[in-house]
PDB file of N, CA and C in Angstrom:
ATOM      1  N   UNK A   1       0.894  -1.268  -0.057  1.00  0.00           N
ATOM      2  CA  UNK A   1       0.028   0.001   0.016  1.00  0.00           C
ATOM      3  C   UNK A   1       0.968   1.313  -0.056  1.00  0.00           C
ATOM      4  N   UNK A   2       1.920   1.254   0.648  1.00  0.00           N
ATOM      5  CA  UNK A   2       2.833   2.333   0.727  1.00  0.00           C
ATOM      6  C   UNK A   2       3.468   2.582  -0.435  1.00  0.00           C
ATOM      7  N   UNK A   3       3.757   1.640  -1.400  1.00  0.00           N
ATOM      8  CA  UNK A   3       4.274   1.763  -2.630  1.00  0.00           C
ATOM      9  C   UNK A   3       3.335   2.565  -3.701  1.00  0.00           C
ATOM     10  N   UNK A   4       2.076   2.184  -3.396  1.00  0.00           N
ATOM     11  CA  UNK A   4       1.067   2.961  -4.243  1.00  0.00           C
ATOM     12  C   UNK A   4       1.127   4.483  -3.785  1.00  0.00           C
ATOM     13  N   UNK A   5       1.071   4.786  -2.639  1.00  0.00           N
ATOM     14  CA  UNK A   5       1.123   6.132  -2.328  1.00  0.00           C
ATOM     15  C   UNK A   5       2.373   6.874  -2.661  1.00  0.00           C
ATOM     16  N   UNK A   6       3.520   6.149  -2.704  1.00  0.00           N
ATOM     17  CA  UNK A   6       4.782   6.792  -2.939  1.00  0.00           C
ATOM     18  C   UNK A   6       4.840   7.024  -4.414  1.00  0.00           C
ATOM     19  N   UNK A   7       4.129   6.171  -5.317  1.00  0.00           N
ATOM     20  CA  UNK A   7       4.106   6.277  -6.700  1.00  0.00           C
ATOM     21  C   UNK A   7       3.275   7.422  -7.004  1.00  0.00           C
ATOM     22  N   UNK A   8       2.122   7.504  -6.252  1.00  0.00           N
ATOM     23  CA  UNK A   8       1.113   8.651  -6.443  1.00  0.00           C
ATOM     24  C   UNK A   8       1.854   9.975  -6.131  1.00  0.00           C
ATOM     25  N   UNK A   9       2.496  10.053  -4.993  1.00  0.00           N
ATOM     26  CA  UNK A   9       3.104  11.312  -4.610  1.00  0.00           C
ATOM     27  C   UNK A   9       4.235  11.638  -5.716  1.00  0.00           C
ATOM     28  N   UNK A  10       4.969  10.775  -6.206  1.00  0.00           N
ATOM     29  CA  UNK A  10       5.951  11.017  -7.188  1.00  0.00           C
ATOM     30  C   UNK A  10       5.304  11.530  -8.366  1.00  0.00           C
ATOM     31  N   UNK A  11       4.292  10.754  -8.861  1.00  0.00           N
ATOM     32  CA  UNK A  11       3.701  11.272 -10.062  1.00  0.00           C
ATOM     33  C   UNK A  11       2.987  12.599 -10.017  1.00  0.00           C
ATOM     34  N   UNK A  12       2.324  12.901  -8.805  1.00  0.00           N
ATOM     35  CA  UNK A  12       1.700  14.084  -8.584  1.00  0.00           C
ATOM     36  C   UNK A  12       2.920  15.157  -8.493  1.00  0.00           C
ATOM     37  N   UNK A  13       3.962  14.893  -7.931  1.00  0.00           N
ATOM     38  CA  UNK A  13       4.965  15.955  -7.742  1.00  0.00           C
ATOM     39  C   UNK A  13       5.700  16.333  -9.057  1.00  0.00           C
ATOM     40  N   UNK A  14       5.685  15.406  -9.981  1.00  0.00           N
ATOM     41  CA  UNK A  14       6.249  15.466 -11.342  1.00  0.00           C
ATOM     42  C   UNK A  14       5.386  16.435 -12.086  1.00  0.00           C
ATOM     43  N   UNK A  15       3.953  15.962 -11.905  1.00  0.00           N
ATOM     44  CA  UNK A  15       2.826  16.852 -12.673  1.00  0.00           C
ATOM     45  C   UNK A  15       2.861  18.249 -12.206  1.00  0.00           C
ATOM     46  N   UNK A  16       3.057  18.494 -10.805  1.00  0.00           N
ATOM     47  CA  UNK A  16       2.972  19.792 -10.174  1.00  0.00           C
ATOM     48  C   UNK A  16       4.170  20.568 -10.830  1.00  0.00           C
ATOM     49  N   UNK A  17       5.297  20.024 -10.833  1.00  0.00           N
ATOM     50  CA  UNK A  17       6.540  20.647 -11.312  1.00  0.00           C
ATOM     51  C   UNK A  17       6.389  21.175 -12.761  1.00  0.00           C
ATOM     52  N   UNK A  18       5.884  20.268 -13.597  1.00  0.00           N
ATOM     53  CA  UNK A  18       5.666  20.668 -14.990  1.00  0.00           C
ATOM     54  C   UNK A  18       4.628  21.708 -15.081  1.00  0.00           C
ATOM     55  N   UNK A  19       3.536  21.633 -14.272  1.00  0.00           N
ATOM     56  CA  UNK A  19       2.544  22.621 -14.320  1.00  0.00           C
ATOM     57  C   UNK A  19       3.030  24.019 -13.824  1.00  0.00           C
ATOM     58  N   UNK A  20       3.881  24.031 -12.769  1.00  0.00           N
ATOM     59  CA  UNK A  20       4.506  25.167 -12.224  1.00  0.00           C
ATOM     60  C   UNK A  20       5.506  25.884 -13.168  1.00  0.00           C
ATOM     61  N   UNK A  21       6.319  24.991 -13.800  1.00  0.00           N
ATOM     62  CA  UNK A  21       7.063  25.451 -14.953  1.00  0.00           C
ATOM     63  C   UNK A  21       6.311  26.164 -16.044  1.00  0.00           C
ATOM     64  N   UNK A  22       5.304  25.328 -16.502  1.00  0.00           N
ATOM     65  CA  UNK A  22       4.565  25.998 -17.584  1.00  0.00           C
ATOM     66  C   UNK A  22       3.803  27.291 -17.186  1.00  0.00           C
ATOM     67  N   UNK A  23       3.327  27.245 -15.986  1.00  0.00           N
ATOM     68  CA  UNK A  23       2.564  28.517 -15.461  1.00  0.00           C
ATOM     69  C   UNK A  23       3.681  29.870 -15.412  1.00  0.00           C
ATOM     70  N   UNK A  24       4.862  29.618 -14.865  1.00  0.00           N
ATOM     71  CA  UNK A  24       5.779  30.498 -14.781  1.00  0.00           C
ATOM     72  C   UNK A  24       6.127  30.991 -16.222  1.00  0.00           C
ATOM     73  N   UNK A  25       6.264  30.244 -17.179  1.00  0.00           N
ATOM     74  CA  UNK A  25       6.641  30.600 -18.584  1.00  0.00           C
ATOM     75  C   UNK A  25       5.490  31.384 -19.106  1.00  0.00           C
ATOM     76  N   UNK A  26       4.312  30.991 -18.883  1.00  0.00           N
ATOM     77  CA  UNK A  26       3.267  31.727 -19.407  1.00  0.00           C
ATOM     78  C   UNK A  26       2.880  33.007 -18.753  1.00  0.00           C
ATOM     79  N   UNK A  27       2.990  33.012 -17.442  1.00  0.00           N
ATOM     80  CA  UNK A  27       2.905  34.405 -16.740  1.00  0.00           C
ATOM     81  C   UNK A  27       4.012  35.395 -16.919  1.00  0.00           C
ATOM     82  N   UNK A  28       5.181  34.813 -17.241  1.00  0.00           N
ATOM     83  CA  UNK A  28       6.217  35.721 -17.491  1.00  0.00           C
ATOM     84  C   UNK A  28       5.929  36.655 -18.829  1.00  0.00           C
ATOM     85  N   UNK A  29       5.095  36.044 -19.548  1.00  0.00           N
ATOM     86  CA  UNK A  29       4.830  36.673 -20.963  1.00  0.00           C
ATOM     87  C   UNK A  29       3.415  37.459 -20.890  1.00  0.00           C
ATOM     88  N   UNK A  30       2.564  36.976 -19.994  1.00  0.00           N
ATOM     89  CA  UNK A  30       1.294  37.596 -20.011  1.00  0.00           C
ATOM     90  C   UNK A  30       0.957  38.419 -18.634  1.00  0.00           C
ATOM     91  N   UNK A  31       0.341  39.529 -18.941  1.00  0.00           N
ATOM     92  CA  UNK A  31       0.044  40.422 -17.894  1.00  0.00           C
ATOM     93  C   UNK A  31      -1.209  40.289 -16.971  1.00  0.00           C
ATOM     94  N   UNK A  32      -2.441  40.432 -17.583  1.00  0.00           N
ATOM     95  CA  UNK A  32      -3.607  40.481 -17.016  1.00  0.00           C
ATOM     96  C   UNK A  32      -4.353  39.196 -16.867  1.00  0.00           C
ATOM     97  N   UNK A  33      -5.079  39.117 -15.806  1.00  0.00           N
ATOM     98  CA  UNK A  33      -5.896  37.917 -15.638  1.00  0.00           C
ATOM     99  C   UNK A  33      -5.127  36.825 -15.078  1.00  0.00           C
ATOM    100  N   UNK A  34      -4.044  36.955 -14.627  1.00  0.00           N
ATOM    101  CA  UNK A  34      -3.022  35.837 -14.176  1.00  0.00           C
ATOM    102  C   UNK A  34      -3.675  35.118 -12.926  1.00  0.00           C
ATOM    103  N   UNK A  35      -4.297  35.797 -12.140  1.00  0.00           N
ATOM    104  CA  UNK A  35      -4.788  35.202 -10.931  1.00  0.00           C
ATOM    105  C   UNK A  35      -6.003  34.194 -11.341  1.00  0.00           C
ATOM    106  N   UNK A  36      -6.801  34.723 -12.229  1.00  0.00           N
ATOM    107  CA  UNK A  36      -8.025  33.830 -12.764  1.00  0.00           C
ATOM    108  C   UNK A  36      -7.546  32.649 -13.352  1.00  0.00           C
ATOM    109  N   UNK A  37      -6.499  32.707 -14.217  1.00  0.00           N
ATOM    110  CA  UNK A  37      -6.069  31.682 -15.004  1.00  0.00           C
ATOM    111  C   UNK A  37      -5.258  30.417 -14.032  1.00  0.00           C
ATOM    112  N   UNK A  38      -4.507  31.118 -13.123  1.00  0.00           N
ATOM    113  CA  UNK A  38      -3.914  30.198 -12.136  1.00  0.00           C
ATOM    114  C   UNK A  38      -4.967  29.584 -11.352  1.00  0.00           C
ATOM    115  N   UNK A  39      -6.123  30.122 -11.069  1.00  0.00           N
ATOM    116  CA  UNK A  39      -7.163  29.384 -10.135  1.00  0.00           C
ATOM    117  C   UNK A  39      -7.801  28.371 -11.017  1.00  0.00           C
ATOM    118  N   UNK A  40      -7.972  28.708 -12.238  1.00  0.00           N
ATOM    119  CA  UNK A  40      -8.668  27.736 -13.170  1.00  0.00           C
ATOM    120  C   UNK A  40      -7.651  26.456 -13.488  1.00  0.00           C
ATOM    121  N   UNK A  41      -6.504  26.731 -13.696  1.00  0.00           N
ATOM    122  CA  UNK A  41      -5.659  25.622 -13.797  1.00  0.00           C
ATOM    123  C   UNK A  41      -5.304  24.757 -12.628  1.00  0.00           C
ATOM    124  N   UNK A  42      -5.444  25.410 -11.505  1.00  0.00           N
ATOM    125  CA  UNK A  42      -5.336  24.657 -10.210  1.00  0.00           C
ATOM    126  C   UNK A  42      -6.615  23.667 -10.044  1.00  0.00           C
ATOM    127  N   UNK A  43      -7.786  24.324 -10.189  1.00  0.00           N
ATOM    128  CA  UNK A  43      -8.930  23.547 -10.085  1.00  0.00           C
ATOM    129  C   UNK A  43      -8.976  22.402 -11.156  1.00  0.00           C
ATOM    130  N   UNK A  44      -8.687  22.747 -12.431  1.00  0.00           N
ATOM    131  CA  UNK A  44      -8.560  21.530 -13.324  1.00  0.00           C
ATOM    132  C   UNK A  44      -7.648  20.552 -13.048  1.00  0.00           C
ATOM    133  N   UNK A  45      -6.432  20.982 -12.540  1.00  0.00           N
ATOM    134  CA  UNK A  45      -5.524  19.844 -12.030  1.00  0.00           C
ATOM    135  C   UNK A  45      -6.087  18.955 -10.900  1.00  0.00           C
ATOM    136  N   UNK A  46      -6.595  19.645  -9.855  1.00  0.00           N
ATOM    137  CA  UNK A  46      -7.213  18.896  -8.793  1.00  0.00           C
ATOM    138  C   UNK A  46      -8.329  17.884  -9.393  1.00  0.00           C
ATOM    139  N   UNK A  47      -9.224  18.346 -10.138  1.00  0.00           N
ATOM    140  CA  UNK A  47     -10.115  17.538 -10.792  1.00  0.00           C
ATOM    141  C   UNK A  47      -9.638  16.405 -11.586  1.00  0.00           C
ATOM    142  N   UNK A  48      -8.606  16.591 -12.436  1.00  0.00           N
ATOM    143  CA  UNK A  48      -8.028  15.469 -13.123  1.00  0.00           C
ATOM    144  C   UNK A  48      -7.338  14.532 -12.237  1.00  0.00           C
ATOM    145  N   UNK A  49      -6.570  14.925 -11.266  1.00  0.00           N
ATOM    146  CA  UNK A  49      -6.016  13.974 -10.208  1.00  0.00           C
ATOM    147  C   UNK A  49      -7.057  13.252  -9.503  1.00  0.00           C
ATOM    148  N   UNK A  50      -8.137  13.892  -9.216  1.00  0.00           N
ATOM    149  CA  UNK A  50      -9.253  13.244  -8.526  1.00  0.00           C
ATOM    150  C   UNK A  50      -9.720  12.029  -9.242  1.00  0.00           C
ATOM    151  N   UNK A  51      -9.961  12.340 -10.644  1.00  0.00           N
ATOM    152  CA  UNK A  51     -10.574  11.340 -11.539  1.00  0.00           C
ATOM    153  C   UNK A  51      -9.545  10.249 -11.766  1.00  0.00           C
ATOM    154  N   UNK A  52      -8.277  10.643 -12.048  1.00  0.00           N
ATOM    155  CA  UNK A  52      -7.307   9.554 -12.348  1.00  0.00           C
ATOM    156  C   UNK A  52      -7.147   8.647 -11.093  1.00  0.00           C
ATOM    157  N   UNK A  53      -7.032   9.070  -9.880  1.00  0.00           N
ATOM    158  CA  UNK A  53      -6.944   8.233  -8.730  1.00  0.00           C
ATOM    159  C   UNK A  53      -8.096   7.956  -7.895  1.00  0.00           C
ATOM    160  N   UNK A  54      -9.350   8.007  -8.655  1.00  0.00           N
ATOM    161  CA  UNK A  54     -10.630   7.964  -7.936  1.00  0.00           C
ATOM    162  C   UNK A  54     -10.688   6.595  -6.971  1.00  0.00           C
ATOM    163  N   UNK A  55     -10.329   5.546  -7.619  1.00  0.00           N
ATOM    164  CA  UNK A  55     -10.534   4.230  -6.855  1.00  0.00           C
ATOM    165  C   UNK A  55      -9.490   4.251  -5.686  1.00  0.00           C
ATOM    166  N   UNK A  56      -8.300   4.794  -5.826  1.00  0.00           N
ATOM    167  CA  UNK A  56      -7.229   4.854  -4.830  1.00  0.00           C
ATOM    168  C   UNK A  56      -7.819   5.761  -3.593  1.00  0.00           C
ATOM    169  N   UNK A  57      -8.327   6.799  -3.932  1.00  0.00           N
ATOM    170  CA  UNK A  57      -8.934   7.744  -3.167  1.00  0.00           C
ATOM    171  C   UNK A  57     -10.118   7.299  -2.243  1.00  0.00           C
ATOM    172  N   UNK A  58     -10.956   6.600  -3.019  1.00  0.00           N
ATOM    173  CA  UNK A  58     -12.125   5.951  -2.379  1.00  0.00           C
ATOM    174  C   UNK A  58     -11.764   4.885  -1.444  1.00  0.00           C
ATOM    175  N   UNK A  59     -10.868   3.890  -1.886  1.00  0.00           N
ATOM    176  CA  UNK A  59     -10.393   2.936  -0.905  1.00  0.00           C
ATOM    177  C   UNK A  59      -9.787   3.417   0.332  1.00  0.00           C
ATOM    178  N   UNK A  60      -8.870   4.605   0.203  1.00  0.00           N
ATOM    179  CA  UNK A  60      -8.331   5.164   1.347  1.00  0.00           C
ATOM    180  C   UNK A  60      -9.359   5.650   2.291  1.00  0.00           C
ATOM    181  N   UNK A  61     -10.269   6.529   1.866  1.00  0.00           N
ATOM    182  CA  UNK A  61     -11.335   6.990   2.726  1.00  0.00           C
ATOM    183  C   UNK A  61     -12.209   5.941   3.381  1.00  0.00           C
ATOM    184  N   UNK A  62     -12.590   4.710   2.589  1.00  0.00           N
ATOM    185  CA  UNK A  62     -13.205   3.736   3.127  1.00  0.00           C
ATOM    186  C   UNK A  62     -12.578   3.002   4.313  1.00  0.00           C
ATOM    187  N   UNK A  63     -11.075   2.882   4.062  1.00  0.00           N
ATOM    188  CA  UNK A  63     -10.435   2.157   4.977  1.00  0.00           C
ATOM    189  C   UNK A  63     -10.215   3.091   6.311  1.00  0.00           C
ATOM    190  N   UNK A  64     -10.042   4.528   5.981  1.00  0.00           N
ATOM    191  CA  UNK A  64      -9.982   5.303   7.266  1.00  0.00           C
ATOM    192  C   UNK A  64     -11.369   5.315   8.057  1.00  0.00           C
ATOM    193  N   UNK A  65     -12.481   5.270   7.188  1.00  0.00           N
ATOM    194  CA  UNK A  65     -13.814   5.301   7.975  1.00  0.00           C
ATOM    195  C   UNK A  65     -14.106   4.103   8.653  1.00  0.00           C
ATOM    196  N   UNK A  66     -13.703   3.039   7.994  1.00  0.00           N
ATOM    197  CA  UNK A  66     -13.887   1.628   8.807  1.00  0.00           C
ATOM    198  C   UNK A  66     -13.050   1.643  10.097  1.00  0.00           C
ATOM    199  N   UNK A  67     -11.779   2.070  10.033  1.00  0.00           N
ATOM    200  CA  UNK A  67     -10.805   2.136  11.230  1.00  0.00           C
ATOM    201  C   UNK A  67     -11.392   3.099  12.251  1.00  0.00           C
ATOM    202  N   UNK A  68     -11.914   4.096  11.855  1.00  0.00           N
ATOM    203  CA  UNK A  68     -12.479   5.114  12.743  1.00  0.00           C
ATOM    204  C   UNK A  68     -13.623   4.430  13.498  1.00  0.00           C
ATOM    205  N   UNK A  69     -14.614   3.809  12.681  1.00  0.00           N
ATOM    206  CA  UNK A  69     -15.754   3.281  13.193  1.00  0.00           C
ATOM    207  C   UNK A  69     -15.336   2.019  14.243  1.00  0.00           C
ATOM    208  N   UNK A  70     -14.309   1.250  13.865  1.00  0.00           N
ATOM    209  CA  UNK A  70     -13.803   0.274  14.688  1.00  0.00           C
ATOM    210  C   UNK A  70     -13.365   0.817  16.124  1.00  0.00           C
ATOM    211  N   UNK A  71     -12.490   1.962  15.871  1.00  0.00           N
ATOM    212  CA  UNK A  71     -11.976   2.474  17.279  1.00  0.00           C
ATOM    213  C   UNK A  71     -13.060   3.162  18.022  1.00  0.00           C
ATOM    214  N   UNK A  72     -13.986   3.798  17.441  1.00  0.00           N
ATOM    215  CA  UNK A  72     -14.989   4.410  18.196  1.00  0.00           C
ATOM    216  C   UNK A  72     -15.846   3.299  18.915  1.00  0.00           C
ATOM    217  N   UNK A  73     -15.977   2.050  18.321  1.00  0.00           N
ATOM    218  CA  UNK A  73     -16.751   0.902  19.038  1.00  0.00           C
ATOM    219  C   UNK A  73     -15.864   0.435  20.177  1.00  0.00           C
ATOM    220  N   UNK A  74     -14.638   0.423  20.003  1.00  0.00           N
ATOM    221  CA  UNK A  74     -13.666   0.132  21.095  1.00  0.00           C
ATOM    222  C   UNK A  74     -13.790   0.966  22.277  1.00  0.00           C
ATOM    223  N   UNK A  75     -13.948   2.257  21.962  1.00  0.00           N
ATOM    224  CA  UNK A  75     -13.831   3.365  22.926  1.00  0.00           C
ATOM    225  C   UNK A  75     -15.226   3.222  23.760  1.00  0.00           C
ATOM    226  N   UNK A  76     -16.398   3.121  23.013  1.00  0.00           N
ATOM    227  CA  UNK A  76     -17.653   2.896  23.780  1.00  0.00           C
ATOM    228  C   UNK A  76     -17.703   1.707  24.578  1.00  0.00           C
ATOM    229  N   UNK A  77     -17.090   0.712  24.272  1.00  0.00           N
ATOM    230  CA  UNK A  77     -17.025  -0.434  24.979  1.00  0.00           C
ATOM    231  C   UNK A  77     -16.309  -0.331  26.399  1.00  0.00           C
ATOM    232  N   UNK A  78     -15.227   0.431  26.430  1.00  0.00           N
ATOM    233  CA  UNK A  78     -14.397   0.683  27.453  1.00  0.00           C
ATOM    234  C   UNK A  78     -14.851   1.759  28.446  1.00  0.00           C
ATOM    235  N   UNK A  79     -15.908   2.561  28.165  1.00  0.00           N
ATOM    236  CA  UNK A  79     -16.591   3.509  29.040  1.00  0.00           C
ATOM    237  C   UNK A  79     -17.650   2.711  29.884  1.00  0.00           C
ATOM    238  N   UNK A  80     -17.429   2.815  31.166  1.00  0.00           N
ATOM    239  CA  UNK A  80     -18.512   2.094  32.052  1.00  0.00           C
ATOM    240  C   UNK A  80     -19.849   2.668  31.913  1.00  0.00           C
ATOM    241  N   UNK A  81     -20.799   1.881  32.090  1.00  0.00           N
ATOM    242  CA  UNK A  81     -22.155   2.298  31.816  1.00  0.00           C
ATOM    243  C   UNK A  81     -22.485   3.332  32.898  1.00  0.00           C
ATOM    244  N   UNK A  82     -22.022   3.032  34.101  1.00  0.00           N
ATOM    245  CA  UNK A  82     -22.462   4.128  35.280  1.00  0.00           C
ATOM    246  C   UNK A  82     -21.797   5.537  35.007  1.00  0.00           C
ATOM    247  N   UNK A  83     -20.763   5.654  34.186  1.00  0.00           N
ATOM    248  CA  UNK A  83     -20.193   6.986  33.743  1.00  0.00           C
ATOM    249  C   UNK A  83     -21.086   7.501  32.753  1.00  0.00           C
ATOM    250  N   UNK A  84     -21.676   6.943  31.887  1.00  0.00           N
ATOM    251  CA  UNK A  84     -22.511   7.392  30.839  1.00  0.00           C
ATOM    252  C   UNK A  84     -23.827   7.753  31.452  1.00  0.00           C
ATOM    253  N   UNK A  85     -24.513   6.935  32.440  1.00  0.00           N
ATOM    254  CA  UNK A  85     -25.786   7.132  32.926  1.00  0.00           C
ATOM    255  C   UNK A  85     -25.636   8.139  34.179  1.00  0.00           C
ATOM    256  N   UNK A  86     -24.586   8.220  34.752  1.00  0.00           N
ATOM    257  CA  UNK A  86     -24.351   9.014  36.047  1.00  0.00           C
ATOM    258  C   UNK A  86     -24.815   8.257  37.329  1.00  0.00           C
ATOM    259  N   UNK A  87     -25.014   7.101  37.201  1.00  0.00           N
ATOM    260  CA  UNK A  87     -25.339   6.318  38.312  1.00  0.00           C
ATOM    261  C   UNK A  87     -24.291   6.257  39.476  1.00  0.00           C
ATOM    262  N   UNK A  88     -24.672   6.529  40.638  1.00  0.00           N
ATOM    263  CA  UNK A  88     -23.742   6.440  41.662  1.00  0.00           C
ATOM    264  C   UNK A  88     -22.753   7.764  41.817  1.00  0.00           C
ATOM    265  N   UNK A  89     -23.071   8.744  41.070  1.00  0.00           N
ATOM    266  CA  UNK A  89     -22.306   9.872  41.193  1.00  0.00           C
ATOM    267  C   UNK A  89     -23.125  11.203  41.442  1.00  0.00           C
ATOM    268  N   UNK A  90     -24.491  10.852  41.595  1.00  0.00           N
ATOM    269  CA  UNK A  90     -25.310  11.901  41.923  1.00  0.00           C
ATOM    270  C   UNK A  90     -25.675  13.011  40.732  1.00  0.00           C
ATOM    271  N   UNK A  91     -25.110  12.576  39.576  1.00  0.00           N
ATOM    272  CA  UNK A  91     -25.463  13.453  38.339  1.00  0.00           C
ATOM    273  C   UNK A  91     -26.207  12.752  37.375  1.00  0.00           C
ATOM    274  N   UNK A  92     -27.160  11.771  37.858  1.00  0.00           N
ATOM    275  CA  UNK A  92     -27.895  11.083  36.883  1.00  0.00           C
ATOM    276  C   UNK A  92     -28.893  11.979  36.153  1.00  0.00           C
ATOM    277  N   UNK A  93     -29.407  11.277  35.064  1.00  0.00           N
ATOM    278  CA  UNK A  93     -30.429  12.113  34.305  1.00  0.00           C
ATOM    279  C   UNK A  93     -31.718  12.094  34.817  1.00  0.00           C
ATOM    280  N   UNK A  94     -32.087  11.301  35.792  1.00  0.00           N
ATOM    281  CA  UNK A  94     -33.340  10.942  36.256  1.00  0.00           C
ATOM    282  C   UNK A  94     -33.636  11.980  37.467  1.00  0.00           C
ATOM    283  N   UNK A  95     -34.870  12.230  37.794  1.00  0.00           N
ATOM    284  CA  UNK A  95     -35.055  13.400  38.870  1.00  0.00           C
ATOM    285  C   UNK A  95     -35.242  12.696  40.193  1.00  0.00           C
TER     286      UNK A  95
END
């Protein structure tokens, strides 16, 4: 799994470097509207990378979500019921 992420990072890094160089070249010759063009290029780049690595991104989020759910279940099992209900502490929810 780490190999996949390292390859993705390397590929994204190379793409970002090429994009950065191209933008520097373009903006050195152009004057107006540079901010808008930069924003559009950045948005397009994020969308393209998202589409290209859709499965990897989905799998990563699903794994993280499953792990978070698993750990939250362990935490709730470790909390004593008397702590949650306030029994024996004088802080119960009942009147």
